PDB file of N, CA and C in Angstrom:
ATOM      1  N   MET A   1     100.324  85.104 130.893  1.00  0.00           N
ATOM      2  CA  MET A   1     100.205  86.603 131.492  1.00  0.00           C
ATOM      3  C   MET A   1      98.815  86.734 131.786  1.00  0.00           C
ATOM      4  N   GLN A   2      97.799  86.496 130.894  1.00  0.00           N
ATOM      5  CA  GLN A   2      96.505  86.691 131.304  1.00  0.00           C
ATOM      6  C   GLN A   2      96.004  85.683 132.185  1.00  0.00           C
ATOM      7  N   SER A   3      96.614  84.455 132.230  1.00  0.00           N
ATOM      8  CA  SER A   3      96.161  83.497 133.213  1.00  0.00           C
ATOM      9  C   SER A   3      96.487  83.910 134.506  1.00  0.00           C
ATOM     10  N   ASP A   4      97.489  84.795 134.754  1.00  0.00           N
ATOM     11  CA  ASP A   4      97.874  85.373 135.966  1.00  0.00           C
ATOM     12  C   ASP A   4      97.111  86.661 136.532  1.00  0.00           C
ATOM     13  N   GLY A   5      95.979  86.930 135.529  1.00  0.00           N
ATOM     14  CA  GLY A   5      95.390  88.104 136.002  1.00  0.00           C
ATOM     15  C   GLY A   5      95.961  89.335 135.397  1.00  0.00           C
ATOM     16  N   VAL A   6      96.951  89.340 134.678  1.00  0.00           N
ATOM     17  CA  VAL A   6      97.571  90.386 134.238  1.00  0.00           C
ATOM     18  C   VAL A   6      97.266  90.640 132.648  1.00  0.00           C
ATOM     19  N   LEU A   7      96.561  91.738 132.463  1.00  0.00           N
ATOM     20  CA  LEU A   7      95.981  91.806 131.063  1.00  0.00           C
ATOM     21  C   LEU A   7      97.180  92.748 130.158  1.00  0.00           C
ATOM     22  N   PRO A   8      97.360  92.508 128.939  1.00  0.00           N
ATOM     23  CA  PRO A   8      98.226  93.155 128.210  1.00  0.00           C
ATOM     24  C   PRO A   8      97.658  94.695 127.805  1.00  0.00           C
ATOM     25  N   ASP A   9      98.512  95.625 127.781  1.00  0.00           N
ATOM     26  CA  ASP A   9      98.088  96.925 127.326  1.00  0.00           C
ATOM     27  C   ASP A   9      98.934  97.517 126.234  1.00  0.00           C
ATOM     28  N   ILE A  10      98.769  98.650 125.883  1.00  0.00           N
ATOM     29  CA  ILE A  10      99.524  99.275 124.666  1.00  0.00           C
ATOM     30  C   ILE A  10     101.072  99.031 124.985  1.00  0.00           C
ATOM     31  N   PHE A  11     101.458  99.260 126.180  1.00  0.00           N
ATOM     32  CA  PHE A  11     102.863  99.173 126.438  1.00  0.00           C
ATOM     33  C   PHE A  11     103.348  97.673 126.105  1.00  0.00           C
ATOM     34  N   THR A  12     102.558  96.871 126.414  1.00  0.00           N
ATOM     35  CA  THR A  12     102.811  95.363 126.344  1.00  0.00           C
ATOM     36  C   THR A  12     103.182  95.143 124.729  1.00  0.00           C
ATOM     37  N   TYR A  13     102.153  95.660 123.991  1.00  0.00           N
ATOM     38  CA  TYR A  13     102.287  95.512 122.561  1.00  0.00           C
ATOM     39  C   TYR A  13     103.419  96.160 121.843  1.00  0.00           C
ATOM     40  N   ASN A  14     103.522  97.436 122.290  1.00  0.00           N
ATOM     41  CA  ASN A  14     104.775  98.183 121.878  1.00  0.00           C
ATOM     42  C   ASN A  14     106.117  97.476 122.110  1.00  0.00           C
ATOM     43  N   LYS A  15     106.221  96.877 123.292  1.00  0.00           N
ATOM     44  CA  LYS A  15     107.407  96.124 123.652  1.00  0.00           C
ATOM     45  C   LYS A  15     107.612  94.878 122.840  1.00  0.00           C
ATOM     46  N   ALA A  16     106.386  94.245 122.713  1.00  0.00           N
ATOM     47  CA  ALA A  16     106.327  93.054 121.790  1.00  0.00           C
ATOM     48  C   ALA A  16     106.808  93.330 120.319  1.00  0.00           C
ATOM     49  N   ARG A  17     106.444  94.587 119.813  1.00  0.00           N
ATOM     50  CA  ARG A  17     106.845  95.144 118.568  1.00  0.00           C
ATOM     51  C   ARG A  17     108.315  95.337 118.372  1.00  0.00           C
ATOM     52  N   GLN A  18     108.835  95.913 119.516  1.00  0.00           N
ATOM     53  CA  GLN A  18     110.227  96.187 119.414  1.00  0.00           C
ATOM     54  C   GLN A  18     110.992  95.060 119.492  1.00  0.00           C
ATOM     55  N   LEU A  19     110.684  93.958 120.230  1.00  0.00           N
ATOM     56  CA  LEU A  19     111.231  92.720 120.277  1.00  0.00           C
ATOM     57  C   LEU A  19     111.129  92.035 118.868  1.00  0.00           C
ATOM     58  N   LEU A  20     110.168  92.245 118.255  1.00  0.00           N
ATOM     59  CA  LEU A  20     110.000  91.481 116.956  1.00  0.00           C
ATOM     60  C   LEU A  20     110.836  92.191 116.050  1.00  0.00           C
ATOM     61  N   SER A  21     111.164  93.635 116.024  1.00  0.00           N
ATOM     62  CA  SER A  21     112.149  94.265 115.294  1.00  0.00           C
ATOM     63  C   SER A  21     113.463  93.853 115.437  1.00  0.00           C
ATOM     64  N   GLU A  22     113.753  93.502 116.664  1.00  0.00           N
ATOM     65  CA  GLU A  22     115.163  92.768 117.106  1.00  0.00           C
ATOM     66  C   GLU A  22     115.534  91.493 116.696  1.00  0.00           C
ATOM     67  N   ILE A  23     114.572  90.761 116.410  1.00  0.00           N
ATOM     68  CA  ILE A  23     114.803  89.405 116.040  1.00  0.00           C
ATOM     69  C   ILE A  23     115.803  89.215 115.003  1.00  0.00           C
ATOM     70  N   PRO A  24     115.808  90.025 113.695  1.00  0.00           N
ATOM     71  CA  PRO A  24     116.783  89.702 112.908  1.00  0.00           C
ATOM     72  C   PRO A  24     118.361  90.172 113.353  1.00  0.00           C
ATOM     73  N   ASN A  25     118.411  90.979 114.381  1.00  0.00           N
ATOM     74  CA  ASN A  25     119.732  91.272 114.945  1.00  0.00           C
ATOM     75  C   ASN A  25     120.165  90.223 115.645  1.00  0.00           C
ATOM     76  N   LYS A  26     119.452  89.370 115.999  1.00  0.00           N
ATOM     77  CA  LYS A  26     119.868  88.076 116.758  1.00  0.00           C
ATOM     78  C   LYS A  26     120.196  87.017 115.922  1.00  0.00           C
ATOM     79  N   GLY A  27     120.142  87.064 114.520  1.00  0.00           N
ATOM     80  CA  GLY A  27     120.372  85.978 113.594  1.00  0.00           C
ATOM     81  C   GLY A  27     119.032  85.142 113.457  1.00  0.00           C
ATOM     82  N   LEU A  28     117.926  85.493 114.104  1.00  0.00           N
ATOM     83  CA  LEU A  28     116.721  84.589 114.027  1.00  0.00           C
ATOM     84  C   LEU A  28     115.785  85.277 113.031  1.00  0.00           C
ATOM     85  N   VAL A  29     114.685  84.441 112.723  1.00  0.00           N
ATOM     86  CA  VAL A  29     113.672  84.685 111.787  1.00  0.00           C
ATOM     87  C   VAL A  29     112.286  84.679 112.375  1.00  0.00           C
ATOM     88  N   ALA A  30     111.495  85.546 112.382  1.00  0.00           N
ATOM     89  CA  ALA A  30     110.086  85.392 113.045  1.00  0.00           C
ATOM     90  C   ALA A  30     109.375  84.531 112.115  1.00  0.00           C
ATOM     91  N   ASP A  31     108.690  83.703 112.750  1.00  0.00           N
ATOM     92  CA  ASP A  31     107.829  82.629 112.093  1.00  0.00           C
ATOM     93  C   ASP A  31     106.198  83.089 112.032  1.00  0.00           C
ATOM     94  N   VAL A  32     105.624  82.092 111.529  1.00  0.00           N
ATOM     95  CA  VAL A  32     104.289  82.562 111.452  1.00  0.00           C
ATOM     96  C   VAL A  32     103.522  82.614 112.731  1.00  0.00           C
ATOM     97  N   VAL A  33     103.920  81.806 113.701  1.00  0.00           N
ATOM     98  CA  VAL A  33     103.313  81.794 115.018  1.00  0.00           C
ATOM     99  C   VAL A  33     103.632  83.015 115.764  1.00  0.00           C
ATOM    100  N   THR A  34     104.859  83.750 115.518  1.00  0.00           N
ATOM    101  CA  THR A  34     105.200  84.892 116.216  1.00  0.00           C
ATOM    102  C   THR A  34     104.435  86.020 115.583  1.00  0.00           C
ATOM    103  N   TYR A  35     104.346  85.968 114.122  1.00  0.00           N
ATOM    104  CA  TYR A  35     103.432  87.163 113.555  1.00  0.00           C
ATOM    105  C   TYR A  35     102.116  87.109 113.799  1.00  0.00           C
ATOM    106  N   THR A  36     101.417  85.727 113.712  1.00  0.00           N
ATOM    107  CA  THR A  36     100.007  85.505 114.259  1.00  0.00           C
ATOM    108  C   THR A  36      99.765  86.146 115.726  1.00  0.00           C
ATOM    109  N   SER A  37     100.669  85.806 116.591  1.00  0.00           N
ATOM    110  CA  SER A  37     100.385  86.353 117.920  1.00  0.00           C
ATOM    111  C   SER A  37     100.401  87.850 118.018  1.00  0.00           C
ATOM    112  N   MET A  38     101.381  88.322 117.436  1.00  0.00           N
ATOM    113  CA  MET A  38     101.428  89.805 117.179  1.00  0.00           C
ATOM    114  C   MET A  38     100.147  90.499 116.791  1.00  0.00           C
ATOM    115  N   ILE A  39      99.793  89.990 115.611  1.00  0.00           N
ATOM    116  CA  ILE A  39      98.723  90.360 114.783  1.00  0.00           C
ATOM    117  C   ILE A  39      97.342  90.328 115.632  1.00  0.00           C
ATOM    118  N   ASN A  40      97.243  89.093 116.337  1.00  0.00           N
ATOM    119  CA  ASN A  40      96.170  88.961 117.374  1.00  0.00           C
ATOM    120  C   ASN A  40      96.220  90.101 118.215  1.00  0.00           C
ATOM    121  N   GLY A  41      97.150  90.182 119.002  1.00  0.00           N
ATOM    122  CA  GLY A  41      97.301  91.341 119.932  1.00  0.00           C
ATOM    123  C   GLY A  41      96.996  92.746 119.514  1.00  0.00           C
ATOM    124  N   LEU A  42      97.294  93.063 118.372  1.00  0.00           N
ATOM    125  CA  LEU A  42      97.084  94.297 117.795  1.00  0.00           C
ATOM    126  C   LEU A  42      95.517  94.448 117.516  1.00  0.00           C
ATOM    127  N   PHE A  43      94.981  93.499 116.949  1.00  0.00           N
ATOM    128  CA  PHE A  43      93.411  93.478 116.734  1.00  0.00           C
ATOM    129  C   PHE A  43      92.665  93.722 117.943  1.00  0.00           C
ATOM    130  N   LYS A  44      93.230  92.969 118.924  1.00  0.00           N
ATOM    131  CA  LYS A  44      92.527  92.914 120.346  1.00  0.00           C
ATOM    132  C   LYS A  44      92.664  94.375 120.838  1.00  0.00           C
ATOM    133  N   GLU A  45      93.652  95.143 120.648  1.00  0.00           N
ATOM    134  CA  GLU A  45      93.821  96.494 121.189  1.00  0.00           C
ATOM    135  C   GLU A  45      93.180  97.480 120.080  1.00  0.00           C
ATOM    136  N   GLY A  46      92.554  96.937 119.188  1.00  0.00           N
ATOM    137  CA  GLY A  46      91.897  98.070 118.092  1.00  0.00           C
ATOM    138  C   GLY A  46      92.873  98.622 117.243  1.00  0.00           C
ATOM    139  N   MET A  47      94.167  98.079 117.067  1.00  0.00           N
ATOM    140  CA  MET A  47      95.118  98.818 116.375  1.00  0.00           C
ATOM    141  C   MET A  47      95.244  98.124 115.013  1.00  0.00           C
ATOM    142  N   ILE A  48      94.109  98.396 114.304  1.00  0.00           N
ATOM    143  CA  ILE A  48      93.899  97.727 112.974  1.00  0.00           C
ATOM    144  C   ILE A  48      94.958  98.014 112.096  1.00  0.00           C
ATOM    145  N   ILE A  49      95.400  99.477 111.886  1.00  0.00           N
ATOM    146  CA  ILE A  49      96.315  99.841 110.889  1.00  0.00           C
ATOM    147  C   ILE A  49      97.697  99.280 111.264  1.00  0.00           C
ATOM    148  N   GLU A  50      98.062  99.103 112.496  1.00  0.00           N
ATOM    149  CA  GLU A  50      99.264  98.461 112.967  1.00  0.00           C
ATOM    150  C   GLU A  50      99.141  96.984 112.472  1.00  0.00           C
ATOM    151  N   ALA A  51      98.182  96.409 112.618  1.00  0.00           N
ATOM    152  CA  ALA A  51      97.876  94.960 112.403  1.00  0.00           C
ATOM    153  C   ALA A  51      98.065  94.666 110.833  1.00  0.00           C
ATOM    154  N   GLU A  52      97.494  95.695 110.039  1.00  0.00           N
ATOM    155  CA  GLU A  52      97.682  95.528 108.623  1.00  0.00           C
ATOM    156  C   GLU A  52      99.007  95.759 108.082  1.00  0.00           C
ATOM    157  N   LYS A  53      99.798  96.668 108.809  1.00  0.00           N
ATOM    158  CA  LYS A  53     101.126  96.869 108.495  1.00  0.00           C
ATOM    159  C   LYS A  53     102.019  95.640 108.721  1.00  0.00           C
ATOM    160  N   LEU A  54     101.619  94.860 109.906  1.00  0.00           N
ATOM    161  CA  LEU A  54     102.527  93.706 110.182  1.00  0.00           C
ATOM    162  C   LEU A  54     102.065  92.698 109.173  1.00  0.00           C
ATOM    163  N   ILE A  55     100.871  92.644 108.864  1.00  0.00           N
ATOM    164  CA  ILE A  55     100.452  91.510 107.697  1.00  0.00           C
ATOM    165  C   ILE A  55     101.305  91.669 106.522  1.00  0.00           C
ATOM    166  N   ILE A  56     101.452  93.032 106.120  1.00  0.00           N
ATOM    167  CA  ILE A  56     102.216  93.182 104.830  1.00  0.00           C
ATOM    168  C   ILE A  56     103.591  92.895 105.097  1.00  0.00           C
ATOM    169  N   GLU A  57     104.247  93.192 106.144  1.00  0.00           N
ATOM    170  CA  GLU A  57     105.532  92.994 106.559  1.00  0.00           C
ATOM    171  C   GLU A  57     105.891  91.462 106.776  1.00  0.00           C
ATOM    172  N   MET A  58     104.868  90.667 107.240  1.00  0.00           N
ATOM    173  CA  MET A  58     105.044  89.260 107.219  1.00  0.00           C
ATOM    174  C   MET A  58     105.170  88.784 105.850  1.00  0.00           C
ATOM    175  N   LYS A  59     104.189  89.208 104.980  1.00  0.00           N
ATOM    176  CA  LYS A  59     104.291  88.555 103.658  1.00  0.00           C
ATOM    177  C   LYS A  59     105.580  88.979 102.966  1.00  0.00           C
ATOM    178  N   ASP A  60     105.915  90.477 103.036  1.00  0.00           N
ATOM    179  CA  ASP A  60     107.174  90.888 102.413  1.00  0.00           C
ATOM    180  C   ASP A  60     108.393  90.079 102.886  1.00  0.00           C
ATOM    181  N   LYS A  61     108.445  89.575 104.083  1.00  0.00           N
ATOM    182  CA  LYS A  61     109.454  88.775 104.556  1.00  0.00           C
ATOM    183  C   LYS A  61     109.361  87.340 104.117  1.00  0.00           C
ATOM    184  N   GLY A  62     108.387  87.015 103.401  1.00  0.00           N
ATOM    185  CA  GLY A  62     108.423  85.513 103.001  1.00  0.00           C
ATOM    186  C   GLY A  62     107.664  84.584 104.030  1.00  0.00           C
ATOM    187  N   CYS A  63     107.118  85.138 104.906  1.00  0.00           N
ATOM    188  CA  CYS A  63     106.306  84.385 105.891  1.00  0.00           C
ATOM    189  C   CYS A  63     104.890  84.436 105.528  1.00  0.00           C
ATOM    190  N   MET A  64     104.432  83.280 104.991  1.00  0.00           N
ATOM    191  CA  MET A  64     103.036  83.402 104.400  1.00  0.00           C
ATOM    192  C   MET A  64     102.121  82.861 105.597  1.00  0.00           C
ATOM    193  N   PRO A  65     100.905  83.689 105.597  1.00  0.00           N
ATOM    194  CA  PRO A  65      99.795  83.458 106.652  1.00  0.00           C
ATOM    195  C   PRO A  65      99.356  81.884 106.595  1.00  0.00           C
ATOM    196  N   ASN A  66      99.134  81.321 107.595  1.00  0.00           N
ATOM    197  CA  ASN A  66      98.693  79.872 107.501  1.00  0.00           C
ATOM    198  C   ASN A  66      97.180  80.077 108.009  1.00  0.00           C
ATOM    199  N   ALA A  67      96.496  78.982 108.037  1.00  0.00           N
ATOM    200  CA  ALA A  67      94.928  79.081 108.393  1.00  0.00           C
ATOM    201  C   ALA A  67      94.699  79.822 109.565  1.00  0.00           C
ATOM    202  N   THR A  68      95.623  79.481 110.733  1.00  0.00           N
ATOM    203  CA  THR A  68      95.344  80.193 111.958  1.00  0.00           C
ATOM    204  C   THR A  68      95.428  81.821 111.846  1.00  0.00           C
ATOM    205  N   THR A  69      96.423  82.108 111.032  1.00  0.00           N
ATOM    206  CA  THR A  69      96.672  83.597 110.882  1.00  0.00           C
ATOM    207  C   THR A  69      95.427  84.197 110.227  1.00  0.00           C
ATOM    208  N   TYR A  70      95.001  83.577 109.193  1.00  0.00           N
ATOM    209  CA  TYR A  70      93.874  83.983 108.402  1.00  0.00           C
ATOM    210  C   TYR A  70      92.569  84.061 109.424  1.00  0.00           C
ATOM    211  N   ASP A  71      92.503  83.058 110.202  1.00  0.00           N
ATOM    212  CA  ASP A  71      91.446  83.055 111.154  1.00  0.00           C
ATOM    213  C   ASP A  71      91.574  84.134 112.180  1.00  0.00           C
ATOM    214  N   THR A  72      92.512  84.394 112.532  1.00  0.00           N
ATOM    215  CA  THR A  72      92.870  85.630 113.647  1.00  0.00           C
ATOM    216  C   THR A  72      92.680  87.039 112.895  1.00  0.00           C
ATOM    217  N   ILE A  73      92.946  87.196 111.642  1.00  0.00           N
ATOM    218  CA  ILE A  73      92.807  88.452 111.024  1.00  0.00           C
ATOM    219  C   ILE A  73      91.423  88.488 110.715  1.00  0.00           C
ATOM    220  N   ILE A  74      90.578  87.547 110.201  1.00  0.00           N
ATOM    221  CA  ILE A  74      89.228  87.630 109.651  1.00  0.00           C
ATOM    222  C   ILE A  74      88.423  87.826 111.235  1.00  0.00           C
ATOM    223  N   LYS A  75      88.599  87.338 112.244  1.00  0.00           N
ATOM    224  CA  LYS A  75      87.977  87.565 113.545  1.00  0.00           C
ATOM    225  C   LYS A  75      88.155  88.870 113.828  1.00  0.00           C
ATOM    226  N   GLY A  76      89.456  89.538 113.666  1.00  0.00           N
ATOM    227  CA  GLY A  76      89.713  90.995 114.003  1.00  0.00           C
ATOM    228  C   GLY A  76      88.759  91.809 113.068  1.00  0.00           C
ATOM    229  N   TYR A  77      88.688  91.577 112.044  1.00  0.00           N
ATOM    230  CA  TYR A  77      87.915  92.392 111.043  1.00  0.00           C
ATOM    231  C   TYR A  77      86.302  92.117 111.338  1.00  0.00           C
ATOM    232  N   LEU A  78      86.104  90.963 111.663  1.00  0.00           N
ATOM    233  CA  LEU A  78      84.584  90.791 111.923  1.00  0.00           C
ATOM    234  C   LEU A  78      84.242  91.505 113.177  1.00  0.00           C
ATOM    235  N   LEU A  79      85.013  91.548 114.184  1.00  0.00           N
ATOM    236  CA  LEU A  79      84.734  91.945 115.526  1.00  0.00           C
ATOM    237  C   LEU A  79      84.704  93.662 115.252  1.00  0.00           C
ATOM    238  N   GLU A  80      85.462  94.178 114.325  1.00  0.00           N
ATOM    239  CA  GLU A  80      85.435  95.616 113.981  1.00  0.00           C
ATOM    240  C   GLU A  80      84.298  95.940 112.971  1.00  0.00           C
ATOM    241  N   ASN A  81      83.454  95.038 112.750  1.00  0.00           N
ATOM    242  CA  ASN A  81      82.437  95.266 111.673  1.00  0.00           C
ATOM    243  C   ASN A  81      82.869  95.481 110.317  1.00  0.00           C
ATOM    244  N   ASP A  82      83.988  95.120 109.995  1.00  0.00           N
ATOM    245  CA  ASP A  82      84.619  95.207 108.558  1.00  0.00           C
ATOM    246  C   ASP A  82      84.303  94.062 107.842  1.00  0.00           C
ATOM    247  N   VAL A  83      83.037  93.780 107.466  1.00  0.00           N
ATOM    248  CA  VAL A  83      82.594  92.272 106.920  1.00  0.00           C
ATOM    249  C   VAL A  83      83.377  92.328 105.572  1.00  0.00           C
ATOM    250  N   ALA A  84      83.249  93.313 104.792  1.00  0.00           N
ATOM    251  CA  ALA A  84      83.760  93.337 103.559  1.00  0.00           C
ATOM    252  C   ALA A  84      85.323  92.895 103.485  1.00  0.00           C
ATOM    253  N   ARG A  85      86.136  93.443 104.464  1.00  0.00           N
ATOM    254  CA  ARG A  85      87.513  92.996 104.411  1.00  0.00           C
ATOM    255  C   ARG A  85      87.576  91.622 104.795  1.00  0.00           C
ATOM    256  N   ALA A  86      86.749  91.106 105.807  1.00  0.00           N
ATOM    257  CA  ALA A  86      86.709  89.718 106.218  1.00  0.00           C
ATOM    258  C   ALA A  86      86.466  88.871 105.015  1.00  0.00           C
ATOM    259  N   LEU A  87      85.403  89.178 104.166  1.00  0.00           N
ATOM    260  CA  LEU A  87      85.177  88.348 103.150  1.00  0.00           C
ATOM    261  C   LEU A  87      86.235  88.412 101.912  1.00  0.00           C
ATOM    262  N   GLU A  88      87.000  89.445 101.824  1.00  0.00           N
ATOM    263  CA  GLU A  88      88.048  89.446 100.874  1.00  0.00           C
ATOM    264  C   GLU A  88      89.120  88.338 101.421  1.00  0.00           C
ATOM    265  N   LEU A  89      89.389  88.308 102.596  1.00  0.00           N
ATOM    266  CA  LEU A  89      90.282  87.345 103.287  1.00  0.00           C
ATOM    267  C   LEU A  89      89.894  85.996 103.005  1.00  0.00           C
ATOM    268  N   LEU A  90      88.608  85.665 103.120  1.00  0.00           N
ATOM    269  CA  LEU A  90      87.925  84.378 103.032  1.00  0.00           C
ATOM    270  C   LEU A  90      88.160  83.998 101.506  1.00  0.00           C
ATOM    271  N   LYS A  91      88.131  84.846 100.587  1.00  0.00           N
ATOM    272  CA  LYS A  91      88.305  84.445  99.132  1.00  0.00           C
ATOM    273  C   LYS A  91      89.829  84.056  98.944  1.00  0.00           C
ATOM    274  N   GLU A  92      90.794  85.037  99.591  1.00  0.00           N
ATOM    275  CA  GLU A  92      92.137  84.659  99.737  1.00  0.00           C
ATOM    276  C   GLU A  92      92.466  83.200 100.168  1.00  0.00           C
ATOM    277  N   MET A  93      91.731  83.088 101.387  1.00  0.00           N
ATOM    278  CA  MET A  93      92.053  81.675 102.021  1.00  0.00           C
ATOM    279  C   MET A  93      91.643  80.447 100.996  1.00  0.00           C
ATOM    280  N   ARG A  94      90.515  80.723 100.219  1.00  0.00           N
ATOM    281  CA  ARG A  94      89.974  79.726  99.459  1.00  0.00           C
ATOM    282  C   ARG A  94      91.020  79.491  98.264  1.00  0.00           C
ATOM    283  N   LYS A  95      91.465  80.734  97.909  1.00  0.00           N
ATOM    284  CA  LYS A  95      92.514  80.470  96.697  1.00  0.00           C
ATOM    285  C   LYS A  95      93.751  79.587  97.136  1.00  0.00           C
ATOM    286  N   ARG A  96      94.040  79.741  98.539  1.00  0.00           N
ATOM    287  CA  ARG A  96      95.087  78.939  98.969  1.00  0.00           C
ATOM    288  C   ARG A  96      94.731  77.635  99.678  1.00  0.00           C
ATOM    289  N   LYS A  97      93.497  77.320  99.447  1.00  0.00           N
ATOM    290  CA  LYS A  97      93.034  75.982  99.973  1.00  0.00           C
ATOM    291  C   LYS A  97      93.148  75.900 101.393  1.00  0.00           C
ATOM    292  N   LEU A  98      93.031  76.961 102.205  1.00  0.00           N
ATOM    293  CA  LEU A  98      92.873  76.835 103.701  1.00  0.00           C
ATOM    294  C   LEU A  98      91.567  76.952 104.149  1.00  0.00           C
ATOM    295  N   SER A  99      91.256  76.362 105.444  1.00  0.00           N
ATOM    296  CA  SER A  99      89.835  76.437 106.093  1.00  0.00           C
ATOM    297  C   SER A  99      90.071  77.059 107.369  1.00  0.00           C
ATOM    298  N   LEU A 100      88.755  77.795 107.442  1.00  0.00           N
ATOM    299  CA  LEU A 100      88.454  78.458 108.809  1.00  0.00           C
ATOM    300  C   LEU A 100      88.333  77.475 109.935  1.00  0.00           C
ATOM    301  N   THR A 101      88.536  77.891 111.198  1.00  0.00           N
ATOM    302  CA  THR A 101      88.220  77.220 112.293  1.00  0.00           C
ATOM    303  C   THR A 101      86.826  77.197 112.605  1.00  0.00           C
ATOM    304  N   ASP A 102      86.156  76.193 113.339  1.00  0.00           N
ATOM    305  CA  ASP A 102      84.756  76.112 113.701  1.00  0.00           C
ATOM    306  C   ASP A 102      84.383  77.577 114.362  1.00  0.00           C
ATOM    307  N   GLY A 103      85.301  77.991 115.121  1.00  0.00           N
ATOM    308  CA  GLY A 103      84.933  79.171 116.003  1.00  0.00           C
ATOM    309  C   GLY A 103      84.717  80.388 115.080  1.00  0.00           C
ATOM    310  N   THR A 104      85.518  80.646 114.154  1.00  0.00           N
ATOM    311  CA  THR A 104      85.392  81.726 113.169  1.00  0.00           C
ATOM    312  C   THR A 104      84.224  81.691 112.336  1.00  0.00           C
ATOM    313  N   LYS A 105      83.955  80.292 111.861  1.00  0.00           N
ATOM    314  CA  LYS A 105      82.731  79.945 111.081  1.00  0.00           C
ATOM    315  C   LYS A 105      81.504  80.446 111.846  1.00  0.00           C
ATOM    316  N   SER A 106      81.327  80.161 113.147  1.00  0.00           N
ATOM    317  CA  SER A 106      80.225  80.493 113.850  1.00  0.00           C
ATOM    318  C   SER A 106      80.130  82.050 114.061  1.00  0.00           C
ATOM    319  N   LEU A 107      81.286  82.687 114.303  1.00  0.00           N
ATOM    320  CA  LEU A 107      81.201  84.080 114.323  1.00  0.00           C
ATOM    321  C   LEU A 107      80.755  84.629 113.109  1.00  0.00           C
ATOM    322  N   LEU A 108      81.303  84.228 112.034  1.00  0.00           N
ATOM    323  CA  LEU A 108      81.026  84.780 110.608  1.00  0.00           C
ATOM    324  C   LEU A 108      79.419  84.497 110.437  1.00  0.00           C
ATOM    325  N   ILE A 109      78.833  83.386 110.712  1.00  0.00           N
ATOM    326  CA  ILE A 109      77.527  83.048 110.478  1.00  0.00           C
ATOM    327  C   ILE A 109      76.706  84.024 111.311  1.00  0.00           C
ATOM    328  N   SER A 110      77.000  84.195 112.647  1.00  0.00           N
ATOM    329  CA  SER A 110      76.096  85.047 113.497  1.00  0.00           C
ATOM    330  C   SER A 110      76.239  86.596 113.180  1.00  0.00           C
ATOM    331  N   LEU A 111      77.383  87.006 112.640  1.00  0.00           N
ATOM    332  CA  LEU A 111      77.366  88.370 112.297  1.00  0.00           C
ATOM    333  C   LEU A 111      76.588  88.728 110.888  1.00  0.00           C
ATOM    334  N   LEU A 112      76.570  87.588 110.134  1.00  0.00           N
ATOM    335  CA  LEU A 112      75.937  87.741 108.882  1.00  0.00           C
ATOM    336  C   LEU A 112      74.475  87.438 108.785  1.00  0.00           C
ATOM    337  N   SER A 113      73.862  86.788 109.942  1.00  0.00           N
ATOM    338  CA  SER A 113      72.622  86.392 110.066  1.00  0.00           C
ATOM    339  C   SER A 113      71.885  87.509 110.418  1.00  0.00           C
ATOM    340  N   PRO A 114      70.523  87.726 109.877  1.00  0.00           N
ATOM    341  CA  PRO A 114      69.608  88.793 110.188  1.00  0.00           C
ATOM    342  C   PRO A 114      69.070  88.647 111.504  1.00  0.00           C
TER     343      PRO A 114
END
């Protein structure tokens, strides 16, 4: 979509959220990639509360975040200048023995540097 010069907007994310809610009706289960993509889009649109709700829903449905999911969430919080929440998630990642990508490490270092 973006490669074709079409940028997603709030309508796009609302439609994606609707489709996500319809997945169980089709006998399917949303996976970590599906949730991570949605969470990423919500953070990009500044829809932090919606992203947080989706993270809770994901966990409640037994779909545990992987390193890419945490990376996406941490980047979202850092870009919103919510360093405290990002650091909480870093601790959670360490408990689960997951690692950040180099891109998020760089972002974290640049935001925490004086």
